[in-house]
Amino acid sequence: METGFIVPIQAADSIGGLNQAQKTSQAEGSNLFKDIFQNAVDNVKRAEANHEQQMYLLATGQLEDGHTVTIAAAEAMLASDLLVQLRNKAVEAYNELMRITV
């Protein structure tokens, strides 16, 4: 199991070293968040392109088994549903953070 989001403990020789370690961990966290959404968007694009290709092949008579179109449609629908749910959870988390009083 990969744990790329856990930053190892680094010795801080000075305050500057400590600030650099904090900046590094913040940058890695933002990249992880960005990568999750980028992968979800890419997955939706791939699934929809596959569905369109399967529909084209069926329409032109090049597809021998029609059930692959239905499978591709289901995959595209699930990928887009997952992306929407990720977005909803991110918005919920953002709203919850905005409600926190400091």
PDB file of N, CA and C in Angstrom:
ATOM      1  N   MET A   1       0.848  -1.169   0.000  1.00  0.00           N
ATOM      2  CA  MET A   1       0.000   0.000   0.000  1.00  0.00           C
ATOM      3  C   MET A   1       0.891   1.229   0.000  1.00  0.00           C
ATOM      4  N   GLU A   2       0.695   2.090  -0.947  1.00  0.00           N
ATOM      5  CA  GLU A   2       1.520   3.283  -1.079  1.00  0.00           C
ATOM      6  C   GLU A   2       0.983   4.390  -0.192  1.00  0.00           C
ATOM      7  N   THR A   3       1.887   5.005   0.548  1.00  0.00           N
ATOM      8  CA  THR A   3       1.502   6.104   1.430  1.00  0.00           C
ATOM      9  C   THR A   3       2.297   7.332   1.060  1.00  0.00           C
ATOM     10  N   GLY A   4       2.123   7.814  -0.156  1.00  0.00           N
ATOM     11  CA  GLY A   4       2.853   8.973  -0.641  1.00  0.00           C
ATOM     12  C   GLY A   4       2.442  10.262   0.031  1.00  0.00           C
ATOM     13  N   PHE A   5       1.299  10.278   0.695  1.00  0.00           N
ATOM     14  CA  PHE A   5       0.834  11.505   1.315  1.00  0.00           C
ATOM     15  C   PHE A   5       1.414  11.703   2.708  1.00  0.00           C
ATOM     16  N   ILE A   6       2.091  10.679   3.262  1.00  0.00           N
ATOM     17  CA  ILE A   6       2.707  10.818   4.571  1.00  0.00           C
ATOM     18  C   ILE A   6       4.133  11.299   4.372  1.00  0.00           C
ATOM     19  N   VAL A   7       4.434  12.446   4.958  1.00  0.00           N
ATOM     20  CA  VAL A   7       5.752  13.043   4.813  1.00  0.00           C
ATOM     21  C   VAL A   7       6.639  12.531   5.942  1.00  0.00           C
ATOM     22  N   PRO A   8       7.830  11.980   5.620  1.00  0.00           N
ATOM     23  CA  PRO A   8       8.701  11.490   6.684  1.00  0.00           C
ATOM     24  C   PRO A   8       9.225  12.638   7.540  1.00  0.00           C
ATOM     25  N   ILE A   9       9.574  12.307   8.774  1.00  0.00           N
ATOM     26  CA  ILE A   9      10.107  13.303   9.699  1.00  0.00           C
ATOM     27  C   ILE A   9      11.491  13.718   9.225  1.00  0.00           C
ATOM     28  N   GLN A  10      11.706  15.026   9.158  1.00  0.00           N
ATOM     29  CA  GLN A  10      12.995  15.552   8.726  1.00  0.00           C
ATOM     30  C   GLN A  10      13.576  16.391   9.850  1.00  0.00           C
ATOM     31  N   ALA A  11      14.891  16.284  10.014  1.00  0.00           N
ATOM     32  CA  ALA A  11      15.560  17.094  11.032  1.00  0.00           C
ATOM     33  C   ALA A  11      15.576  18.542  10.577  1.00  0.00           C
ATOM     34  N   ALA A  12      15.231  19.430  11.498  1.00  0.00           N
ATOM     35  CA  ALA A  12      15.213  20.854  11.199  1.00  0.00           C
ATOM     36  C   ALA A  12      16.401  21.497  11.902  1.00  0.00           C
ATOM     37  N   ASP A  13      17.436  21.830  11.142  1.00  0.00           N
ATOM     38  CA  ASP A  13      18.622  22.451  11.723  1.00  0.00           C
ATOM     39  C   ASP A  13      18.351  23.896  12.099  1.00  0.00           C
ATOM     40  N   SER A  14      17.444  24.510  11.395  1.00  0.00           N
ATOM     41  CA  SER A  14      17.122  25.898  11.684  1.00  0.00           C
ATOM     42  C   SER A  14      15.637  26.117  11.409  1.00  0.00           C
ATOM     43  N   ILE A  15      15.178  27.289  11.701  1.00  0.00           N
ATOM     44  CA  ILE A  15      13.775  27.620  11.451  1.00  0.00           C
ATOM     45  C   ILE A  15      13.495  27.571   9.953  1.00  0.00           C
ATOM     46  N   GLY A  16      14.465  27.978   9.147  1.00  0.00           N
ATOM     47  CA  GLY A  16      14.285  27.933   7.691  1.00  0.00           C
ATOM     48  C   GLY A  16      14.056  26.518   7.208  1.00  0.00           C
ATOM     49  N   GLY A  17      14.759  25.557   7.796  1.00  0.00           N
ATOM     50  CA  GLY A  17      14.567  24.156   7.433  1.00  0.00           C
ATOM     51  C   GLY A  17      13.179  23.672   7.787  1.00  0.00           C
ATOM     52  N   LEU A  18      12.663  24.139   8.920  1.00  0.00           N
ATOM     53  CA  LEU A  18      11.325  23.762   9.342  1.00  0.00           C
ATOM     54  C   LEU A  18      10.283  24.350   8.397  1.00  0.00           C
ATOM     55  N   ASN A  19      10.453  25.598   8.014  1.00  0.00           N
ATOM     56  CA  ASN A  19       9.519  26.226   7.080  1.00  0.00           C
ATOM     57  C   ASN A  19       9.531  25.519   5.738  1.00  0.00           C
ATOM     58  N   GLN A  20      10.718  25.101   5.280  1.00  0.00           N
ATOM     59  CA  GLN A  20      10.822  24.401   3.995  1.00  0.00           C
ATOM     60  C   GLN A  20      10.088  23.065   4.065  1.00  0.00           C
ATOM     61  N   ALA A  21      10.218  22.337   5.188  1.00  0.00           N
ATOM     62  CA  ALA A  21       9.529  21.057   5.332  1.00  0.00           C
ATOM     63  C   ALA A  21       8.018  21.260   5.322  1.00  0.00           C
ATOM     64  N   GLN A  22       7.536  22.330   5.954  1.00  0.00           N
ATOM     65  CA  GLN A  22       6.099  22.607   5.954  1.00  0.00           C
ATOM     66  C   GLN A  22       5.615  22.943   4.556  1.00  0.00           C
ATOM     67  N   LYS A  23       6.382  23.732   3.813  1.00  0.00           N
ATOM     68  CA  LYS A  23       5.988  24.084   2.449  1.00  0.00           C
ATOM     69  C   LYS A  23       5.949  22.852   1.568  1.00  0.00           C
ATOM     70  N   THR A  24       6.914  21.944   1.752  1.00  0.00           N
ATOM     71  CA  THR A  24       6.960  20.719   0.957  1.00  0.00           C
ATOM     72  C   THR A  24       5.740  19.857   1.228  1.00  0.00           C
ATOM     73  N   SER A  25       5.383  19.681   2.496  1.00  0.00           N
ATOM     74  CA  SER A  25       4.228  18.840   2.819  1.00  0.00           C
ATOM     75  C   SER A  25       2.932  19.470   2.320  1.00  0.00           C
ATOM     76  N   GLN A  26       2.821  20.798   2.370  1.00  0.00           N
ATOM     77  CA  GLN A  26       1.624  21.460   1.863  1.00  0.00           C
ATOM     78  C   GLN A  26       1.526  21.303   0.352  1.00  0.00           C
ATOM     79  N   ALA A  27       2.645  21.421  -0.349  1.00  0.00           N
ATOM     80  CA  ALA A  27       2.634  21.269  -1.805  1.00  0.00           C
ATOM     81  C   ALA A  27       2.267  19.848  -2.186  1.00  0.00           C
ATOM     82  N   GLU A  28       2.784  18.846  -1.464  1.00  0.00           N
ATOM     83  CA  GLU A  28       2.454  17.457  -1.766  1.00  0.00           C
ATOM     84  C   GLU A  28       0.982  17.179  -1.499  1.00  0.00           C
ATOM     85  N   GLY A  29       0.425  17.776  -0.441  1.00  0.00           N
ATOM     86  CA  GLY A  29      -0.995  17.594  -0.138  1.00  0.00           C
ATOM     87  C   GLY A  29      -1.878  18.191  -1.205  1.00  0.00           C
ATOM     88  N   SER A  30      -1.519  19.370  -1.701  1.00  0.00           N
ATOM     89  CA  SER A  30      -2.329  19.980  -2.748  1.00  0.00           C
ATOM     90  C   SER A  30      -2.203  19.205  -4.056  1.00  0.00           C
ATOM     91  N   ASN A  31      -1.021  18.640  -4.315  1.00  0.00           N
ATOM     92  CA  ASN A  31      -0.859  17.824  -5.521  1.00  0.00           C
ATOM     93  C   ASN A  31      -1.670  16.543  -5.416  1.00  0.00           C
ATOM     94  N   LEU A  32      -1.743  15.955  -4.235  1.00  0.00           N
ATOM     95  CA  LEU A  32      -2.529  14.751  -4.046  1.00  0.00           C
ATOM     96  C   LEU A  32      -4.008  15.042  -4.308  1.00  0.00           C
ATOM     97  N   PHE A  33      -4.500  16.136  -3.761  1.00  0.00           N
ATOM     98  CA  PHE A  33      -5.893  16.533  -3.972  1.00  0.00           C
ATOM     99  C   PHE A  33      -6.160  16.766  -5.453  1.00  0.00           C
ATOM    100  N   LYS A  34      -5.249  17.462  -6.104  1.00  0.00           N
ATOM    101  CA  LYS A  34      -5.398  17.746  -7.532  1.00  0.00           C
ATOM    102  C   LYS A  34      -5.353  16.458  -8.346  1.00  0.00           C
ATOM    103  N   ASP A  35      -4.449  15.548  -7.993  1.00  0.00           N
ATOM    104  CA  ASP A  35      -4.305  14.300  -8.733  1.00  0.00           C
ATOM    105  C   ASP A  35      -5.551  13.429  -8.649  1.00  0.00           C
ATOM    106  N   ILE A  36      -6.194  13.426  -7.492  1.00  0.00           N
ATOM    107  CA  ILE A  36      -7.411  12.626  -7.340  1.00  0.00           C
ATOM    108  C   ILE A  36      -8.484  13.106  -8.309  1.00  0.00           C
ATOM    109  N   PHE A  37      -8.695  14.416  -8.357  1.00  0.00           N
ATOM    110  CA  PHE A  37      -9.721  14.948  -9.258  1.00  0.00           C
ATOM    111  C   PHE A  37      -9.305  14.829 -10.719  1.00  0.00           C
ATOM    112  N   GLN A  38      -8.023  15.009 -11.010  1.00  0.00           N
ATOM    113  CA  GLN A  38      -7.553  14.874 -12.386  1.00  0.00           C
ATOM    114  C   GLN A  38      -7.751  13.445 -12.883  1.00  0.00           C
ATOM    115  N   ASN A  39      -7.455  12.460 -12.028  1.00  0.00           N
ATOM    116  CA  ASN A  39      -7.669  11.061 -12.405  1.00  0.00           C
ATOM    117  C   ASN A  39      -9.146  10.768 -12.623  1.00  0.00           C
ATOM    118  N   ALA A  40     -10.011  11.340 -11.795  1.00  0.00           N
ATOM    119  CA  ALA A  40     -11.448  11.113 -11.962  1.00  0.00           C
ATOM    120  C   ALA A  40     -11.951  11.722 -13.274  1.00  0.00           C
ATOM    121  N   VAL A  41     -11.483  12.922 -13.595  1.00  0.00           N
ATOM    122  CA  VAL A  41     -11.892  13.570 -14.852  1.00  0.00           C
ATOM    123  C   VAL A  41     -11.365  12.779 -16.047  1.00  0.00           C
ATOM    124  N   ASP A  42     -10.115  12.334 -15.972  1.00  0.00           N
ATOM    125  CA  ASP A  42      -9.551  11.528 -17.066  1.00  0.00           C
ATOM    126  C   ASP A  42     -10.301  10.217 -17.228  1.00  0.00           C
ATOM    127  N   ASN A  43     -10.713   9.615 -16.120  1.00  0.00           N
ATOM    128  CA  ASN A  43     -11.468   8.372 -16.175  1.00  0.00           C
ATOM    129  C   ASN A  43     -12.816   8.588 -16.862  1.00  0.00           C
ATOM    130  N   VAL A  44     -13.469   9.697 -16.580  1.00  0.00           N
ATOM    131  CA  VAL A  44     -14.746  10.008 -17.231  1.00  0.00           C
ATOM    132  C   VAL A  44     -14.536  10.205 -18.734  1.00  0.00           C
ATOM    133  N   LYS A  45     -13.494  10.930 -19.103  1.00  0.00           N
ATOM    134  CA  LYS A  45     -13.218  11.160 -20.529  1.00  0.00           C
ATOM    135  C   LYS A  45     -12.946   9.849 -21.260  1.00  0.00           C
ATOM    136  N   ARG A  46     -12.137   8.972 -20.639  1.00  0.00           N
ATOM    137  CA  ARG A  46     -11.827   7.684 -21.265  1.00  0.00           C
ATOM    138  C   ARG A  46     -13.081   6.829 -21.407  1.00  0.00           C
ATOM    139  N   ALA A  47     -13.913   6.790 -20.369  1.00  0.00           N
ATOM    140  CA  ALA A  47     -15.117   5.962 -20.403  1.00  0.00           C
ATOM    141  C   ALA A  47     -16.098   6.467 -21.456  1.00  0.00           C
ATOM    142  N   GLU A  48     -16.241   7.782 -21.553  1.00  0.00           N
ATOM    143  CA  GLU A  48     -17.163   8.325 -22.557  1.00  0.00           C
ATOM    144  C   GLU A  48     -16.631   8.113 -23.974  1.00  0.00           C
ATOM    145  N   ALA A  49     -15.322   8.240 -24.145  1.00  0.00           N
ATOM    146  CA  ALA A  49     -14.742   7.984 -25.469  1.00  0.00           C
ATOM    147  C   ALA A  49     -14.924   6.521 -25.861  1.00  0.00           C
ATOM    148  N   ASN A  50     -14.756   5.618 -24.906  1.00  0.00           N
ATOM    149  CA  ASN A  50     -14.958   4.192 -25.173  1.00  0.00           C
ATOM    150  C   ASN A  50     -16.421   3.925 -25.527  1.00  0.00           C
ATOM    151  N   HIS A  51     -17.342   4.561 -24.840  1.00  0.00           N
ATOM    152  CA  HIS A  51     -18.763   4.379 -25.130  1.00  0.00           C
ATOM    153  C   HIS A  51     -19.094   4.881 -26.534  1.00  0.00           C
ATOM    154  N   GLU A  52     -18.577   6.052 -26.888  1.00  0.00           N
ATOM    155  CA  GLU A  52     -18.816   6.585 -28.230  1.00  0.00           C
ATOM    156  C   GLU A  52     -18.228   5.669 -29.304  1.00  0.00           C
ATOM    157  N   GLN A  53     -17.047   5.132 -29.048  1.00  0.00           N
ATOM    158  CA  GLN A  53     -16.413   4.216 -30.004  1.00  0.00           C
ATOM    159  C   GLN A  53     -17.248   2.951 -30.162  1.00  0.00           C
ATOM    160  N   GLN A  54     -17.742   2.403 -29.050  1.00  0.00           N
ATOM    161  CA  GLN A  54     -18.568   1.200 -29.128  1.00  0.00           C
ATOM    162  C   GLN A  54     -19.884   1.463 -29.873  1.00  0.00           C
ATOM    163  N   MET A  55     -20.489   2.636 -29.652  1.00  0.00           N
ATOM    164  CA  MET A  55     -21.719   2.979 -30.382  1.00  0.00           C
ATOM    165  C   MET A  55     -21.435   3.127 -31.871  1.00  0.00           C
ATOM    166  N   TYR A  56     -20.293   3.731 -32.222  1.00  0.00           N
ATOM    167  CA  TYR A  56     -19.922   3.882 -33.630  1.00  0.00           C
ATOM    168  C   TYR A  56     -19.737   2.516 -34.275  1.00  0.00           C
ATOM    169  N   LEU A  57     -19.028   1.634 -33.581  1.00  0.00           N
ATOM    170  CA  LEU A  57     -18.798   0.297 -34.129  1.00  0.00           C
ATOM    171  C   LEU A  57     -20.107  -0.464 -34.304  1.00  0.00           C
ATOM    172  N   LEU A  58     -21.036  -0.292 -33.369  1.00  0.00           N
ATOM    173  CA  LEU A  58     -22.333  -0.950 -33.495  1.00  0.00           C
ATOM    174  C   LEU A  58     -23.121  -0.377 -34.662  1.00  0.00           C
ATOM    175  N   ALA A  59     -23.095   0.941 -34.820  1.00  0.00           N
ATOM    176  CA  ALA A  59     -23.850   1.583 -35.895  1.00  0.00           C
ATOM    177  C   ALA A  59     -23.313   1.227 -37.268  1.00  0.00           C
ATOM    178  N   THR A  60     -22.019   1.015 -37.386  1.00  0.00           N
ATOM    179  CA  THR A  60     -21.430   0.684 -38.682  1.00  0.00           C
ATOM    180  C   THR A  60     -21.380  -0.814 -38.944  1.00  0.00           C
ATOM    181  N   GLY A  61     -21.853  -1.615 -37.986  1.00  0.00           N
ATOM    182  CA  GLY A  61     -21.906  -3.054 -38.181  1.00  0.00           C
ATOM    183  C   GLY A  61     -20.587  -3.756 -37.944  1.00  0.00           C
ATOM    184  N   GLN A  62     -19.639  -3.091 -37.332  1.00  0.00           N
ATOM    185  CA  GLN A  62     -18.331  -3.696 -37.083  1.00  0.00           C
ATOM    186  C   GLN A  62     -18.272  -4.420 -35.737  1.00  0.00           C
ATOM    187  N   LEU A  63     -19.320  -4.308 -34.945  1.00  0.00           N
ATOM    188  CA  LEU A  63     -19.347  -4.903 -33.615  1.00  0.00           C
ATOM    189  C   LEU A  63     -20.207  -6.157 -33.658  1.00  0.00           C
ATOM    190  N   GLU A  64     -19.634  -7.277 -33.213  1.00  0.00           N
ATOM    191  CA  GLU A  64     -20.360  -8.532 -33.277  1.00  0.00           C
ATOM    192  C   GLU A  64     -21.229  -8.778 -32.047  1.00  0.00           C
ATOM    193  N   ASP A  65     -20.853  -8.208 -30.924  1.00  0.00           N
ATOM    194  CA  ASP A  65     -21.634  -8.419 -29.702  1.00  0.00           C
ATOM    195  C   ASP A  65     -22.147  -7.076 -29.189  1.00  0.00           C
ATOM    196  N   GLY A  66     -23.448  -6.952 -29.178  1.00  0.00           N
ATOM    197  CA  GLY A  66     -24.069  -5.681 -28.816  1.00  0.00           C
ATOM    198  C   GLY A  66     -24.030  -5.363 -27.332  1.00  0.00           C
ATOM    199  N   HIS A  67     -23.737  -6.351 -26.498  1.00  0.00           N
ATOM    200  CA  HIS A  67     -23.731  -6.093 -25.063  1.00  0.00           C
ATOM    201  C   HIS A  67     -22.559  -5.227 -24.615  1.00  0.00           C
ATOM    202  N   THR A  68     -21.516  -5.114 -25.430  1.00  0.00           N
ATOM    203  CA  THR A  68     -20.384  -4.272 -25.046  1.00  0.00           C
ATOM    204  C   THR A  68     -20.770  -2.793 -25.036  1.00  0.00           C
ATOM    205  N   VAL A  69     -21.762  -2.427 -25.840  1.00  0.00           N
ATOM    206  CA  VAL A  69     -22.240  -1.037 -25.835  1.00  0.00           C
ATOM    207  C   VAL A  69     -22.903  -0.734 -24.497  1.00  0.00           C
ATOM    208  N   THR A  70     -23.706  -1.646 -24.010  1.00  0.00           N
ATOM    209  CA  THR A  70     -24.374  -1.466 -22.727  1.00  0.00           C
ATOM    210  C   THR A  70     -23.363  -1.416 -21.591  1.00  0.00           C
ATOM    211  N   ILE A  71     -22.358  -2.262 -21.648  1.00  0.00           N
ATOM    212  CA  ILE A  71     -21.316  -2.265 -20.622  1.00  0.00           C
ATOM    213  C   ILE A  71     -20.550  -0.946 -20.650  1.00  0.00           C
ATOM    214  N   ALA A  72     -20.207  -0.471 -21.833  1.00  0.00           N
ATOM    215  CA  ALA A  72     -19.486   0.805 -21.950  1.00  0.00           C
ATOM    216  C   ALA A  72     -20.342   1.964 -21.443  1.00  0.00           C
ATOM    217  N   ALA A  73     -21.650   1.908 -21.701  1.00  0.00           N
ATOM    218  CA  ALA A  73     -22.547   2.966 -21.209  1.00  0.00           C
ATOM    219  C   ALA A  73     -22.618   2.953 -19.688  1.00  0.00           C
ATOM    220  N   ALA A  74     -22.667   1.767 -19.109  1.00  0.00           N
ATOM    221  CA  ALA A  74     -22.702   1.656 -17.648  1.00  0.00           C
ATOM    222  C   ALA A  74     -21.401   2.161 -17.032  1.00  0.00           C
ATOM    223  N   GLU A  75     -20.273   1.835 -17.654  1.00  0.00           N
ATOM    224  CA  GLU A  75     -18.979   2.314 -17.153  1.00  0.00           C
ATOM    225  C   GLU A  75     -18.903   3.839 -17.208  1.00  0.00           C
ATOM    226  N   ALA A  76     -19.377   4.425 -18.293  1.00  0.00           N
ATOM    227  CA  ALA A  76     -19.358   5.886 -18.426  1.00  0.00           C
ATOM    228  C   ALA A  76     -20.264   6.539 -17.382  1.00  0.00           C
ATOM    229  N   MET A  77     -21.419   5.937 -17.147  1.00  0.00           N
ATOM    230  CA  MET A  77     -22.338   6.484 -16.159  1.00  0.00           C
ATOM    231  C   MET A  77     -21.742   6.393 -14.753  1.00  0.00           C
ATOM    232  N   LEU A  78     -21.127   5.265 -14.417  1.00  0.00           N
ATOM    233  CA  LEU A  78     -20.525   5.108 -13.098  1.00  0.00           C
ATOM    234  C   LEU A  78     -19.347   6.055 -12.896  1.00  0.00           C
ATOM    235  N   ALA A  79     -18.556   6.261 -13.939  1.00  0.00           N
ATOM    236  CA  ALA A  79     -17.421   7.176 -13.834  1.00  0.00           C
ATOM    237  C   ALA A  79     -17.890   8.605 -13.594  1.00  0.00           C
ATOM    238  N   SER A  80     -18.928   9.020 -14.300  1.00  0.00           N
ATOM    239  CA  SER A  80     -19.435  10.381 -14.097  1.00  0.00           C
ATOM    240  C   SER A  80     -20.116  10.521 -12.737  1.00  0.00           C
ATOM    241  N   ASP A  81     -20.806   9.476 -12.277  1.00  0.00           N
ATOM    242  CA  ASP A  81     -21.415   9.511 -10.948  1.00  0.00           C
ATOM    243  C   ASP A  81     -20.353   9.616  -9.858  1.00  0.00           C
ATOM    244  N   LEU A  82     -19.252   8.902 -10.032  1.00  0.00           N
ATOM    245  CA  LEU A  82     -18.156   8.976  -9.067  1.00  0.00           C
ATOM    246  C   LEU A  82     -17.561  10.375  -9.028  1.00  0.00           C
ATOM    247  N   LEU A  83     -17.381  10.990 -10.180  1.00  0.00           N
ATOM    248  CA  LEU A  83     -16.849  12.345 -10.238  1.00  0.00           C
ATOM    249  C   LEU A  83     -17.787  13.334  -9.545  1.00  0.00           C
ATOM    250  N   VAL A  84     -19.070  13.186  -9.761  1.00  0.00           N
ATOM    251  CA  VAL A  84     -20.045  14.074  -9.120  1.00  0.00           C
ATOM    252  C   VAL A  84     -20.018  13.885  -7.609  1.00  0.00           C
ATOM    253  N   GLN A  85     -19.925  12.652  -7.142  1.00  0.00           N
ATOM    254  CA  GLN A  85     -19.881  12.405  -5.704  1.00  0.00           C
ATOM    255  C   GLN A  85     -18.587  12.946  -5.083  1.00  0.00           C
ATOM    256  N   LEU A  86     -17.468  12.831  -5.785  1.00  0.00           N
ATOM    257  CA  LEU A  86     -16.220  13.425  -5.294  1.00  0.00           C
ATOM    258  C   LEU A  86     -16.360  14.936  -5.164  1.00  0.00           C
ATOM    259  N   ARG A  87     -16.969  15.544  -6.163  1.00  0.00           N
ATOM    260  CA  ARG A  87     -17.183  16.990  -6.107  1.00  0.00           C
ATOM    261  C   ARG A  87     -18.090  17.368  -4.949  1.00  0.00           C
ATOM    262  N   ASN A  88     -19.156  16.614  -4.754  1.00  0.00           N
ATOM    263  CA  ASN A  88     -20.079  16.904  -3.652  1.00  0.00           C
ATOM    264  C   ASN A  88     -19.391  16.794  -2.298  1.00  0.00           C
ATOM    265  N   LYS A  89     -18.569  15.771  -2.122  1.00  0.00           N
ATOM    266  CA  LYS A  89     -17.862  15.605  -0.850  1.00  0.00           C
ATOM    267  C   LYS A  89     -16.844  16.727  -0.649  1.00  0.00           C
ATOM    268  N   ALA A  90     -16.190  17.172  -1.710  1.00  0.00           N
ATOM    269  CA  ALA A  90     -15.234  18.273  -1.589  1.00  0.00           C
ATOM    270  C   ALA A  90     -15.951  19.568  -1.213  1.00  0.00           C
ATOM    271  N   VAL A  91     -17.112  19.796  -1.787  1.00  0.00           N
ATOM    272  CA  VAL A  91     -17.887  21.002  -1.453  1.00  0.00           C
ATOM    273  C   VAL A  91     -18.384  20.921  -0.014  1.00  0.00           C
ATOM    274  N   GLU A  92     -18.827  19.744   0.410  1.00  0.00           N
ATOM    275  CA  GLU A  92     -19.254  19.567   1.797  1.00  0.00           C
ATOM    276  C   GLU A  92     -18.099  19.847   2.760  1.00  0.00           C
ATOM    277  N   ALA A  93     -16.927  19.326   2.451  1.00  0.00           N
ATOM    278  CA  ALA A  93     -15.765  19.541   3.312  1.00  0.00           C
ATOM    279  C   ALA A  93     -15.395  21.018   3.354  1.00  0.00           C
ATOM    280  N   TYR A  94     -15.445  21.691   2.214  1.00  0.00           N
ATOM    281  CA  TYR A  94     -15.144  23.121   2.164  1.00  0.00           C
ATOM    282  C   TYR A  94     -16.138  23.907   3.006  1.00  0.00           C
ATOM    283  N   ASN A  95     -17.417  23.596   2.875  1.00  0.00           N
ATOM    284  CA  ASN A  95     -18.434  24.292   3.665  1.00  0.00           C
ATOM    285  C   ASN A  95     -18.256  24.044   5.162  1.00  0.00           C
ATOM    286  N   GLU A  96     -17.874  22.831   5.513  1.00  0.00           N
ATOM    287  CA  GLU A  96     -17.631  22.515   6.918  1.00  0.00           C
ATOM    288  C   GLU A  96     -16.441  23.306   7.453  1.00  0.00           C
ATOM    289  N   LEU A  97     -15.407  23.452   6.648  1.00  0.00           N
ATOM    290  CA  LEU A  97     -14.240  24.254   7.062  1.00  0.00           C
ATOM    291  C   LEU A  97     -14.615  25.727   7.221  1.00  0.00           C
ATOM    292  N   MET A  98     -15.501  26.215   6.391  1.00  0.00           N
ATOM    293  CA  MET A  98     -15.908  27.614   6.492  1.00  0.00           C
ATOM    294  C   MET A  98     -16.736  27.877   7.746  1.00  0.00           C
ATOM    295  N   ARG A  99     -17.403  26.843   8.270  1.00  0.00           N
ATOM    296  CA  ARG A  99     -18.211  27.004   9.478  1.00  0.00           C
ATOM    297  C   ARG A  99     -17.374  27.003  10.754  1.00  0.00           C
ATOM    298  N   ILE A 100     -16.134  26.543  10.660  1.00  0.00           N
ATOM    299  CA  ILE A 100     -15.276  26.475  11.844  1.00  0.00           C
ATOM    300  C   ILE A 100     -14.912  27.890  12.282  1.00  0.00           C
ATOM    301  N   THR A 101     -15.084  28.157  13.577  1.00  0.00           N
ATOM    302  CA  THR A 101     -14.706  29.451  14.114  1.00  0.00           C
ATOM    303  C   THR A 101     -13.329  29.339  14.748  1.00  0.00           C
ATOM    304  N   VAL A 102     -12.540  30.359  14.512  1.00  0.00           N
ATOM    305  CA  VAL A 102     -11.186  30.340  15.040  1.00  0.00           C
ATOM    306  C   VAL A 102     -11.094  31.192  16.274  1.00  0.00           C
TER     307      VAL A 102
END
